[in-house]
C-alpha atoms as a PDB file:
ATOM      1  CA  MET A   1      30.215  24.126  18.889  1.00  0.00           C
ATOM      2  CA  GLU A   2      33.203  25.397  18.100  1.00  0.00           C
ATOM      3  CA  LEU A   3      35.140  23.246  15.377  1.00  0.00           C
ATOM      4  CA  GLN A   4      39.217  23.255  15.229  1.00  0.00           C
ATOM      5  CA  VAL A   5      40.610  20.885  13.348  1.00  0.00           C
ATOM      6  CA  CYS A   6      44.775  19.746  13.111  1.00  0.00           C
ATOM      7  CA  TYR A   7      46.513  17.000  11.508  1.00  0.00           C
ATOM      8  CA  LEU A   8      48.237  15.146  13.274  1.00  0.00           C
ATOM      9  CA  CYS A   9      51.137  11.935  12.380  1.00  0.00           C
ATOM     10  CA  ASP A  10      51.030  10.258  15.697  1.00  0.00           C
ATOM     11  CA  PRO A  11      47.343  10.381  17.598  1.00  0.00           C
ATOM     12  CA  LYS A  12      49.809   9.943  21.139  1.00  0.00           C
ATOM     13  CA  TRP A  13      50.371  13.884  20.446  1.00  0.00           C
ATOM     14  CA  ILE A  14      47.102  14.200  21.425  1.00  0.00           C
ATOM     15  CA  GLU A  15      46.718  12.437  24.215  1.00  0.00           C
ATOM     16  CA  PRO A  16      46.665  14.526  27.359  1.00  0.00           C
ATOM     17  CA  ILE A  17      43.514  16.180  25.415  1.00  0.00           C
ATOM     18  CA  LEU A  18      42.009  12.961  24.689  1.00  0.00           C
ATOM     19  CA  LYS A  19      41.669  12.380  28.623  1.00  0.00           C
ATOM     20  CA  ASN A  20      41.299  15.720  29.419  1.00  0.00           C
ATOM     21  CA  PRO A  21      37.060  15.324  29.856  1.00  0.00           C
ATOM     22  CA  ALA A  22      36.888  19.433  28.881  1.00  0.00           C
ATOM     23  CA  TYR A  23      37.713  18.284  25.787  1.00  0.00           C
ATOM     24  CA  ASP A  24      35.359  17.172  23.530  1.00  0.00           C
ATOM     25  CA  VAL A  25      37.438  15.276  21.016  1.00  0.00           C
ATOM     26  CA  LYS A  26      36.820  13.469  17.669  1.00  0.00           C
ATOM     27  CA  ILE A  27      39.526  11.325  15.435  1.00  0.00           C
ATOM     28  CA  VAL A  28      39.365  10.935  11.787  1.00  0.00           C
ATOM     29  CA  HIS A  29      41.870   8.468  11.344  1.00  0.00           C
ATOM     30  CA  LEU A  30      42.789   8.079   7.436  1.00  0.00           C
ATOM     31  CA  VAL A  31      44.533   4.998   6.447  1.00  0.00           C
ATOM     32  CA  ARG A  32      46.379   4.219   3.628  1.00  0.00           C
ATOM     33  CA  ASP A  33      47.232   0.883   2.239  1.00  0.00           C
ATOM     34  CA  PRO A  34      51.227   0.915   3.025  1.00  0.00           C
ATOM     35  CA  ARG A  35      52.054  -0.382  -0.627  1.00  0.00           C
ATOM     36  CA  ALA A  36      50.699   2.715  -2.144  1.00  0.00           C
ATOM     37  CA  ILE A  37      52.173   4.681   0.622  1.00  0.00           C
ATOM     38  CA  ILE A  38      55.934   2.123  -0.297  1.00  0.00           C
ATOM     39  CA  LYS A  39      55.256   2.929  -4.253  1.00  0.00           C
ATOM     40  CA  SER A  40      54.427   7.217  -3.848  1.00  0.00           C
ATOM     41  CA  LYS A  41      58.220   6.942  -1.709  1.00  0.00           C
ATOM     42  CA  ILE A  42      60.181   5.384  -4.427  1.00  0.00           C
ATOM     43  CA  SER A  43      58.309   7.530  -7.159  1.00  0.00           C
ATOM     44  CA  TYR A  44      59.367  10.864  -5.764  1.00  0.00           C
ATOM     45  CA  ALA A  45      63.045   9.654  -6.197  1.00  0.00           C
ATOM     46  CA  HIS A  46      63.120   6.616  -8.760  1.00  0.00           C
ATOM     47  CA  THR A  47      61.273   5.001 -10.807  1.00  0.00           C
ATOM     48  CA  PRO A  48      59.940   0.656  -9.220  1.00  0.00           C
ATOM     49  CA  ALA A  49      61.968  -0.872 -11.563  1.00  0.00           C
ATOM     50  CA  THR A  50      65.167   0.958 -10.923  1.00  0.00           C
ATOM     51  CA  ILE A  51      65.407   0.715  -7.317  1.00  0.00           C
ATOM     52  CA  ASP A  52      67.129  -1.931  -5.473  1.00  0.00           C
ATOM     53  CA  ILE A  53      65.632  -4.415  -3.678  1.00  0.00           C
ATOM     54  CA  ASN A  54      67.292  -3.379  -0.613  1.00  0.00           C
ATOM     55  CA  GLN A  55      66.591   0.469  -0.342  1.00  0.00           C
ATOM     56  CA  VAL A  56      62.551  -0.679  -0.953  1.00  0.00           C
ATOM     57  CA  ARG A  57      63.429  -3.122   2.349  1.00  0.00           C
ATOM     58  CA  GLY A  58      64.671   0.019   4.343  1.00  0.00           C
ATOM     59  CA  MET A  59      62.240   2.424   3.160  1.00  0.00           C
ATOM     60  CA  THR A  60      59.348  -0.333   4.052  1.00  0.00           C
ATOM     61  CA  THR A  61      61.245  -0.828   7.263  1.00  0.00           C
ATOM     62  CA  MET A  62      60.919   2.386   8.428  1.00  0.00           C
ATOM     63  CA  THR A  63      57.507   3.087   7.086  1.00  0.00           C
ATOM     64  CA  CYS A  64      56.261  -0.460   8.263  1.00  0.00           C
ATOM     65  CA  GLN A  65      57.212   0.399  12.155  1.00  0.00           C
ATOM     66  CA  HIS A  66      55.865   4.030  12.501  1.00  0.00           C
ATOM     67  CA  ILE A  67      52.092   3.349  11.069  1.00  0.00           C
ATOM     68  CA  GLU A  68      52.167  -0.150  13.081  1.00  0.00           C
ATOM     69  CA  THR A  69      53.004   1.168  16.607  1.00  0.00           C
ATOM     70  CA  MET A  70      50.444   4.058  15.862  1.00  0.00           C
ATOM     71  CA  THR A  71      47.758   1.423  14.865  1.00  0.00           C
ATOM     72  CA  LYS A  72      48.283  -0.885  17.798  1.00  0.00           C
ATOM     73  CA  TYR A  73      48.300   2.004  20.261  1.00  0.00           C
ATOM     74  CA  VAL A  74      44.838   3.436  17.791  1.00  0.00           C
ATOM     75  CA  ASP A  75      43.963  -0.092  18.181  1.00  0.00           C
ATOM     76  CA  ALA A  76      44.680  -0.214  21.866  1.00  0.00           C
ATOM     77  CA  ASN A  77      43.277   2.940  23.242  1.00  0.00           C
ATOM     78  CA  LEU A  78      40.523   4.416  21.025  1.00  0.00           C
ATOM     79  CA  ALA A  79      39.261   1.915  18.235  1.00  0.00           C
ATOM     80  CA  HIS A  80      36.893   0.754  20.890  1.00  0.00           C
ATOM     81  CA  ASP A  81      35.223   4.659  21.315  1.00  0.00           C
ATOM     82  CA  LYS A  82      33.455   4.889  18.281  1.00  0.00           C
ATOM     83  CA  SER A  83      32.047   8.137  19.173  1.00  0.00           C
ATOM     84  CA  LYS A  84      35.087   9.934  19.314  1.00  0.00           C
ATOM     85  CA  TYR A  85      37.192   7.212  16.774  1.00  0.00           C
ATOM     86  CA  PHE A  86      36.429   6.697  12.948  1.00  0.00           C
ATOM     87  CA  ARG A  87      39.267   4.836  10.602  1.00  0.00           C
ATOM     88  CA  ILE A  88      38.637   5.596   7.282  1.00  0.00           C
ATOM     89  CA  ARG A  89      40.770   3.556   4.867  1.00  0.00           C
ATOM     90  CA  HIS A  90      42.213   6.152   1.714  1.00  0.00           C
ATOM     91  CA  GLU A  91      41.370   3.668  -0.846  1.00  0.00           C
ATOM     92  CA  ASP A  92      37.502   3.854   0.441  1.00  0.00           C
ATOM     93  CA  PHE A  93      37.334   7.342   0.637  1.00  0.00           C
ATOM     94  CA  SER A  94      38.714   7.831  -2.731  1.00  0.00           C
ATOM     95  CA  LEU A  95      36.124   5.191  -4.551  1.00  0.00           C
ATOM     96  CA  ASP A  96      32.877   7.523  -2.908  1.00  0.00           C
ATOM     97  CA  THR A  97      34.582  10.462  -1.630  1.00  0.00           C
ATOM     98  CA  ILE A  98      30.941  11.930  -1.366  1.00  0.00           C
ATOM     99  CA  ALA A  99      29.404   9.084   0.623  1.00  0.00           C
ATOM    100  CA  TRP A 100      32.826   9.113   3.094  1.00  0.00           C
ATOM    101  CA  THR A 101      32.716  12.855   3.291  1.00  0.00           C
ATOM    102  CA  LYS A 102      28.997  12.458   4.422  1.00  0.00           C
ATOM    103  CA  LYS A 103      29.775  10.245   6.629  1.00  0.00           C
ATOM    104  CA  ILE A 104      32.777  12.358   8.532  1.00  0.00           C
ATOM    105  CA  TYR A 105      30.630  15.546   8.693  1.00  0.00           C
ATOM    106  CA  ASP A 106      28.178  13.047  10.186  1.00  0.00           C
ATOM    107  CA  PHE A 107      30.914  12.046  12.701  1.00  0.00           C
ATOM    108  CA  VAL A 108      31.632  15.462  13.760  1.00  0.00           C
ATOM    109  CA  GLY A 109      28.178  16.087  13.637  1.00  0.00           C
ATOM    110  CA  LEU A 110      27.803  18.809  10.861  1.00  0.00           C
ATOM    111  CA  GLN A 111      25.734  19.082   7.737  1.00  0.00           C
ATOM    112  CA  MET A 112      27.544  19.028   4.384  1.00  0.00           C
ATOM    113  CA  THR A 113      26.995  21.668   1.955  1.00  0.00           C
ATOM    114  CA  THR A 114      26.524  21.983  -1.777  1.00  0.00           C
ATOM    115  CA  GLN A 115      29.803  23.986  -2.170  1.00  0.00           C
ATOM    116  CA  ILE A 116      31.953  21.711  -0.486  1.00  0.00           C
ATOM    117  CA  GLN A 117      30.380  18.532  -2.760  1.00  0.00           C
ATOM    118  CA  ASN A 118      31.397  20.495  -6.090  1.00  0.00           C
ATOM    119  CA  TRP A 119      34.321  20.777  -4.762  1.00  0.00           C
ATOM    120  CA  ILE A 120      35.403  17.289  -4.378  1.00  0.00           C
ATOM    121  CA  ILE A 121      33.570  16.724  -7.486  1.00  0.00           C
ATOM    122  CA  SER A 122      36.142  18.834  -8.928  1.00  0.00           C
ATOM    123  CA  ALA A 123      38.823  18.191  -7.317  1.00  0.00           C
ATOM    124  CA  THR A 124      38.520  14.437  -7.864  1.00  0.00           C
ATOM    125  CA  SER A 125      36.535  12.964 -10.285  1.00  0.00           C
ATOM    126  CA  ALA A 126      37.906  11.519 -13.733  1.00  0.00           C
ATOM    127  CA  LYS A 127      35.546  13.593 -15.464  1.00  0.00           C
ATOM    128  CA  ASN A 128      36.926  16.827 -14.236  1.00  0.00           C
ATOM    129  CA  LEU A 129      40.749  15.565 -14.553  1.00  0.00           C
ATOM    130  CA  LYS A 130      40.794  13.604 -17.699  1.00  0.00           C
ATOM    131  CA  ASN A 131      43.707  16.101 -18.711  1.00  0.00           C
ATOM    132  CA  LEU A 132      46.048  16.249 -15.346  1.00  0.00           C
ATOM    133  CA  SER A 133      48.996  14.268 -14.573  1.00  0.00           C
ATOM    134  CA  ASN A 134      49.132  12.418 -11.485  1.00  0.00           C
ATOM    135  CA  LYS A 135      52.631  13.163 -11.155  1.00  0.00           C
ATOM    136  CA  ASN A 136      52.332  16.458  -8.751  1.00  0.00           C
ATOM    137  CA  GLN A 137      52.487  14.143  -5.806  1.00  0.00           C
ATOM    138  CA  PHE A 138      52.098  17.452  -4.020  1.00  0.00           C
ATOM    139  CA  GLY A 139      48.932  19.061  -5.383  1.00  0.00           C
ATOM    140  CA  THR A 140      45.200  18.508  -4.210  1.00  0.00           C
ATOM    141  CA  LYS A 141      44.087  17.736  -7.271  1.00  0.00           C
ATOM    142  CA  ARG A 142      43.857  13.824  -8.461  1.00  0.00           C
ATOM    143  CA  ASN A 143      41.984  11.560 -10.385  1.00  0.00           C
ATOM    144  CA  SER A 144      41.087   9.134  -6.924  1.00  0.00           C
ATOM    145  CA  ALA A 145      40.472   6.078  -8.659  1.00  0.00           C
ATOM    146  CA  GLU A 146      43.655   5.868 -10.445  1.00  0.00           C
ATOM    147  CA  VAL A 147      45.608   6.455  -7.947  1.00  0.00           C
ATOM    148  CA  VAL A 148      44.167   3.903  -5.657  1.00  0.00           C
ATOM    149  CA  VAL A 149      45.438   0.915  -8.023  1.00  0.00           C
ATOM    150  CA  SER A 150      48.504   2.429  -9.309  1.00  0.00           C
ATOM    151  CA  TRP A 151      50.967   1.120  -7.057  1.00  0.00           C
ATOM    152  CA  ARG A 152      49.668  -2.669  -8.389  1.00  0.00           C
ATOM    153  CA  LYS A 153      50.133  -1.597 -12.094  1.00  0.00           C
ATOM    154  CA  GLN A 154      54.435   0.152 -11.059  1.00  0.00           C
ATOM    155  CA  LEU A 155      55.612  -2.179  -8.137  1.00  0.00           C
ATOM    156  CA  LEU A 156      57.569  -5.294  -8.993  1.00  0.00           C
ATOM    157  CA  PHE A 157      56.294  -8.033  -6.834  1.00  0.00           C
ATOM    158  CA  GLU A 158      59.008  -8.554  -5.039  1.00  0.00           C
ATOM    159  CA  GLN A 159      58.199  -4.819  -3.479  1.00  0.00           C
ATOM    160  CA  ILE A 160      55.157  -5.763  -2.842  1.00  0.00           C
ATOM    161  CA  GLU A 161      56.149  -9.583  -1.260  1.00  0.00           C
ATOM    162  CA  VAL A 162      58.524  -6.961   1.098  1.00  0.00           C
ATOM    163  CA  VAL A 163      55.432  -4.480   2.070  1.00  0.00           C
ATOM    164  CA  GLN A 164      52.852  -7.056   2.912  1.00  0.00           C
ATOM    165  CA  ASN A 165      55.654  -8.903   4.581  1.00  0.00           C
ATOM    166  CA  ASN A 166      57.143  -5.965   7.244  1.00  0.00           C
ATOM    167  CA  CYS A 167      53.315  -4.128   7.458  1.00  0.00           C
ATOM    168  CA  GLN A 168      51.262  -7.285   8.716  1.00  0.00           C
ATOM    169  CA  TYR A 169      49.462  -6.307  11.555  1.00  0.00           C
ATOM    170  CA  TYR A 170      49.100  -2.833   9.810  1.00  0.00           C
ATOM    171  CA  MET A 171      47.218  -5.247   6.954  1.00  0.00           C
ATOM    172  CA  MET A 172      45.642  -6.892   8.806  1.00  0.00           C
ATOM    173  CA  SER A 173      44.052  -4.448  11.248  1.00  0.00           C
ATOM    174  CA  SER A 174      43.105  -1.978   8.849  1.00  0.00           C
ATOM    175  CA  ASN A 175      41.409  -4.831   6.278  1.00  0.00           C
ATOM    176  CA  TYR A 176      44.014  -4.664   3.535  1.00  0.00           C
ATOM    177  CA  ARG A 177      44.461  -7.904   1.016  1.00  0.00           C
ATOM    178  CA  ALA A 178      48.104  -9.308   0.537  1.00  0.00           C
ATOM    179  CA  PHE A 179      48.392 -10.764  -2.701  1.00  0.00           C
ATOM    180  CA  ASP A 180      50.487 -14.041  -3.200  1.00  0.00           C
ATOM    181  CA  ASP A 181      51.416 -14.276  -6.705  1.00  0.00           C
ATOM    182  CA  ASP A 182      52.015 -11.075  -9.688  1.00  0.00           C
ATOM    183  CA  VAL A 183      49.245 -12.308 -11.786  1.00  0.00           C
ATOM    184  CA  THR A 184      46.483 -11.489  -8.771  1.00  0.00           C
ATOM    185  CA  VAL A 185      48.146  -8.177  -8.670  1.00  0.00           C
ATOM    186  CA  ARG A 186      48.184  -7.039 -12.190  1.00  0.00           C
ATOM    187  CA  ASN A 187      44.247  -7.809 -12.694  1.00  0.00           C
ATOM    188  CA  LEU A 188      43.110  -5.163 -11.537  1.00  0.00           C
ATOM    189  CA  ASP A 189      39.426  -7.236 -11.410  1.00  0.00           C
ATOM    190  CA  GLU A 190      40.690  -8.499  -8.454  1.00  0.00           C
ATOM    191  CA  ALA A 191      39.541  -6.343  -5.622  1.00  0.00           C
ATOM    192  CA  SER A 192      42.318  -4.399  -3.670  1.00  0.00           C
ATOM    193  CA  PHE A 193      41.754  -4.736  -0.564  1.00  0.00           C
END
Protein backbone atom coordinates (compact mmCIF):
# COMPACT_ATOMS: atom_id res chain seq x y z
CA MET A 1 0.00 0.00 0.00
CA GLU A 2 1.38 3.39 -0.97
CA LEU A 3 0.43 6.18 1.41
CA GLN A 4 0.35 9.78 0.31
CA VAL A 5 -0.71 12.60 2.58
CA CYS A 6 -1.80 16.03 1.45
CA TYR A 7 -3.19 19.01 3.32
CA LEU A 8 -6.30 20.55 1.79
CA CYS A 9 -8.16 23.68 2.78
CA ASP A 10 -11.26 22.48 0.95
CA PRO A 11 -12.29 18.85 0.33
CA LYS A 12 -14.11 19.92 -2.88
CA TRP A 13 -10.67 20.20 -4.48
CA ILE A 14 -10.33 16.41 -4.56
CA GLU A 15 -13.89 15.63 -5.65
CA PRO A 16 -12.72 14.08 -8.97
CA ILE A 17 -10.39 11.73 -7.05
CA LEU A 18 -13.12 10.84 -4.56
CA LYS A 19 -15.46 9.87 -7.40
CA ASN A 20 -12.83 7.78 -9.18
CA PRO A 21 -13.06 4.12 -8.03
CA ALA A 22 -9.39 3.59 -8.95
CA TYR A 23 -8.33 5.56 -5.88
CA ASP A 24 -8.65 4.49 -2.26
CA VAL A 25 -8.93 7.89 -0.59
CA LYS A 26 -9.38 8.46 3.12
CA ILE A 27 -10.07 11.90 4.53
CA VAL A 28 -9.09 12.92 8.04
CA HIS A 29 -10.88 16.21 8.63
CA LEU A 30 -9.50 18.28 11.49
CA VAL A 31 -12.00 20.89 12.68
CA ARG A 32 -11.45 23.59 15.28
CA ASP A 33 -13.70 25.68 17.49
CA PRO A 34 -14.45 28.85 15.47
CA ARG A 35 -13.98 30.98 18.59
CA ALA A 36 -10.40 29.67 18.83
CA ILE A 37 -9.88 30.34 15.11
CA ILE A 38 -10.99 33.95 15.52
CA LYS A 39 -8.89 34.38 18.68
CA SER A 40 -5.84 33.20 16.70
CA LYS A 41 -6.60 35.62 13.87
CA ILE A 42 -7.03 38.51 16.29
CA SER A 43 -3.85 37.61 18.19
CA TYR A 44 -1.79 37.73 15.03
CA ALA A 45 -2.00 41.54 14.89
CA HIS A 46 -3.98 42.73 17.93
CA THR A 47 -5.13 41.87 21.40
CA PRO A 48 -8.83 41.05 21.87
CA ALA A 49 -9.30 44.14 24.05
CA THR A 50 -7.98 46.52 21.36
CA ILE A 51 -9.70 45.27 18.21
CA ASP A 52 -12.89 46.99 17.07
CA ILE A 53 -16.02 44.80 17.21
CA ASN A 54 -16.75 45.62 13.54
CA GLN A 55 -13.36 44.18 12.59
CA VAL A 56 -14.26 41.05 14.54
CA ARG A 57 -17.61 40.87 12.70
CA GLY A 58 -15.87 41.14 9.31
CA MET A 59 -13.25 38.56 10.21
CA THR A 60 -15.90 36.22 11.63
CA THR A 61 -18.24 36.57 8.66
CA MET A 62 -15.50 35.64 6.21
CA THR A 63 -14.17 32.77 8.32
CA CYS A 64 -17.59 31.33 9.14
CA GLN A 65 -18.78 31.49 5.53
CA HIS A 66 -15.76 29.47 4.45
CA ILE A 67 -15.93 26.81 7.17
CA GLU A 68 -19.71 26.49 6.97
CA THR A 69 -19.63 26.06 3.18
CA MET A 70 -16.99 23.37 3.57
CA THR A 71 -18.87 21.67 6.44
CA LYS A 72 -22.15 21.61 4.52
CA TYR A 73 -20.36 20.04 1.56
CA VAL A 74 -18.76 17.41 3.81
CA ASP A 75 -22.01 16.70 5.66
CA ALA A 76 -23.86 16.20 2.38
CA ASN A 77 -21.20 14.28 0.45
CA LEU A 78 -18.65 12.61 2.72
CA ALA A 79 -19.65 12.27 6.37
CA HIS A 80 -21.97 9.31 5.76
CA ASP A 81 -19.08 7.08 4.58
CA LYS A 82 -17.25 6.17 7.80
CA SER A 83 -14.75 4.02 5.88
CA LYS A 84 -13.48 7.05 3.93
CA TYR A 85 -14.18 10.04 6.16
CA PHE A 86 -13.07 10.73 9.73
CA ARG A 87 -13.76 14.06 11.48
CA ILE A 88 -11.67 15.03 14.50
CA ARG A 89 -12.07 18.09 16.64
CA HIS A 90 -8.79 19.85 17.38
CA GLU A 91 -9.81 20.15 21.02
CA ASP A 92 -10.42 16.41 21.47
CA PHE A 93 -7.12 15.64 19.75
CA SER A 94 -5.24 18.20 21.86
CA LEU A 95 -6.51 16.82 25.14
CA ASP A 96 -5.75 13.17 24.31
CA THR A 97 -3.20 13.18 21.49
CA ILE A 98 -2.01 9.61 21.87
CA ALA A 99 -5.49 8.06 21.75
CA TRP A 100 -6.59 10.20 18.80
CA THR A 101 -3.38 9.60 16.87
CA LYS A 102 -3.95 5.87 17.33
CA LYS A 103 -7.51 6.30 15.99
CA ILE A 104 -6.13 8.13 12.93
CA TYR A 105 -3.54 5.43 12.31
CA ASP A 106 -6.20 2.72 12.69
CA PHE A 107 -8.49 4.59 10.29
CA VAL A 108 -5.83 4.72 7.56
CA GLY A 109 -4.72 1.15 8.27
CA LEU A 110 -1.29 1.80 9.79
CA GLN A 111 0.39 0.85 13.05
CA MET A 112 1.42 3.70 15.35
CA THR A 113 5.06 3.34 16.35
CA THR A 114 6.74 4.08 19.65
CA GLN A 115 8.81 6.73 17.86
CA ILE A 116 5.64 8.56 16.77
CA GLN A 117 4.18 8.26 20.26
CA ASN A 118 7.36 9.69 21.83
CA TRP A 119 7.38 12.60 19.37
CA ILE A 120 3.75 13.42 20.18
CA ILE A 121 4.48 13.43 23.91
CA SER A 122 7.46 15.71 23.33
CA ALA A 123 5.52 18.08 21.06
CA THR A 124 2.36 18.46 23.14
CA SER A 125 2.79 17.70 26.82
CA ALA A 126 2.67 20.47 29.40
CA LYS A 127 5.47 18.77 31.35
CA ASN A 128 7.93 19.03 28.47
CA LEU A 129 6.79 22.52 27.47
CA LYS A 130 6.92 24.19 30.88
CA ASN A 131 9.13 27.05 29.66
CA LEU A 132 7.72 27.26 26.15
CA SER A 133 5.79 30.35 25.14
CA ASN A 134 2.71 29.81 22.98
CA LYS A 135 3.48 33.09 21.21
CA ASN A 136 4.95 31.35 18.15
CA GLN A 137 1.68 30.57 16.43
CA PHE A 138 3.47 28.89 13.53
CA GLY A 139 5.62 26.63 15.73
CA THR A 140 5.10 22.88 16.00
CA LYS A 141 5.44 22.53 19.77
CA ARG A 142 2.76 23.81 22.12
CA ASN A 143 1.09 23.16 25.40
CA SER A 144 -2.02 21.68 23.75
CA ALA A 145 -4.24 21.73 26.82
CA GLU A 146 -3.59 25.46 27.28
CA VAL A 147 -4.25 26.28 23.62
CA VAL A 148 -7.69 24.62 23.80
CA VAL A 149 -9.00 27.06 26.41
CA SER A 150 -7.06 30.22 25.54
CA TRP A 151 -9.97 31.78 23.64
CA ARG A 152 -12.11 31.52 26.80
CA LYS A 153 -9.57 33.57 28.72
CA GLN A 154 -8.82 36.18 26.07
CA LEU A 155 -11.88 36.94 23.93
CA LEU A 156 -14.44 39.44 25.16
CA PHE A 157 -17.93 37.95 25.52
CA GLU A 158 -19.24 40.33 22.83
CA GLN A 159 -16.68 38.83 20.44
CA ILE A 160 -17.65 35.29 21.43
CA GLU A 161 -21.33 36.07 20.72
CA VAL A 162 -20.46 37.37 17.25
CA VAL A 163 -18.64 34.14 16.41
CA GLN A 164 -21.38 31.93 17.86
CA ASN A 165 -24.08 33.78 15.88
CA ASN A 166 -22.16 33.64 12.60
CA CYS A 167 -21.01 30.02 12.90
CA GLN A 168 -24.16 28.31 14.15
CA TYR A 169 -24.32 25.52 11.55
CA TYR A 170 -20.63 24.68 11.86
CA MET A 171 -20.75 24.68 15.66
CA MET A 172 -23.82 22.46 15.69
CA SER A 173 -22.44 20.05 13.07
CA SER A 174 -19.15 19.69 14.94
CA ASN A 175 -20.84 19.54 18.38
CA TYR A 176 -19.40 22.74 19.83
CA ARG A 177 -21.19 24.23 22.78
CA ALA A 178 -22.46 27.83 22.63
CA PHE A 179 -22.19 29.93 25.78
CA ASP A 180 -24.92 32.27 27.01
CA ASP A 181 -22.97 34.48 29.40
CA ASP A 182 -19.50 35.68 30.34
CA VAL A 183 -19.49 33.96 33.75
CA THR A 184 -19.92 30.50 32.22
CA VAL A 185 -17.27 31.18 29.56
CA ARG A 186 -14.70 32.13 32.19
CA ASN A 187 -15.49 29.12 34.41
CA LEU A 188 -12.97 26.67 33.00
CA ASP A 189 -14.55 23.84 34.98
CA GLU A 190 -17.45 24.10 32.48
CA ALA A 191 -16.79 22.02 29.38
CA SER A 192 -16.05 23.97 26.18
CA PHE A 193 -17.43 21.33 23.86
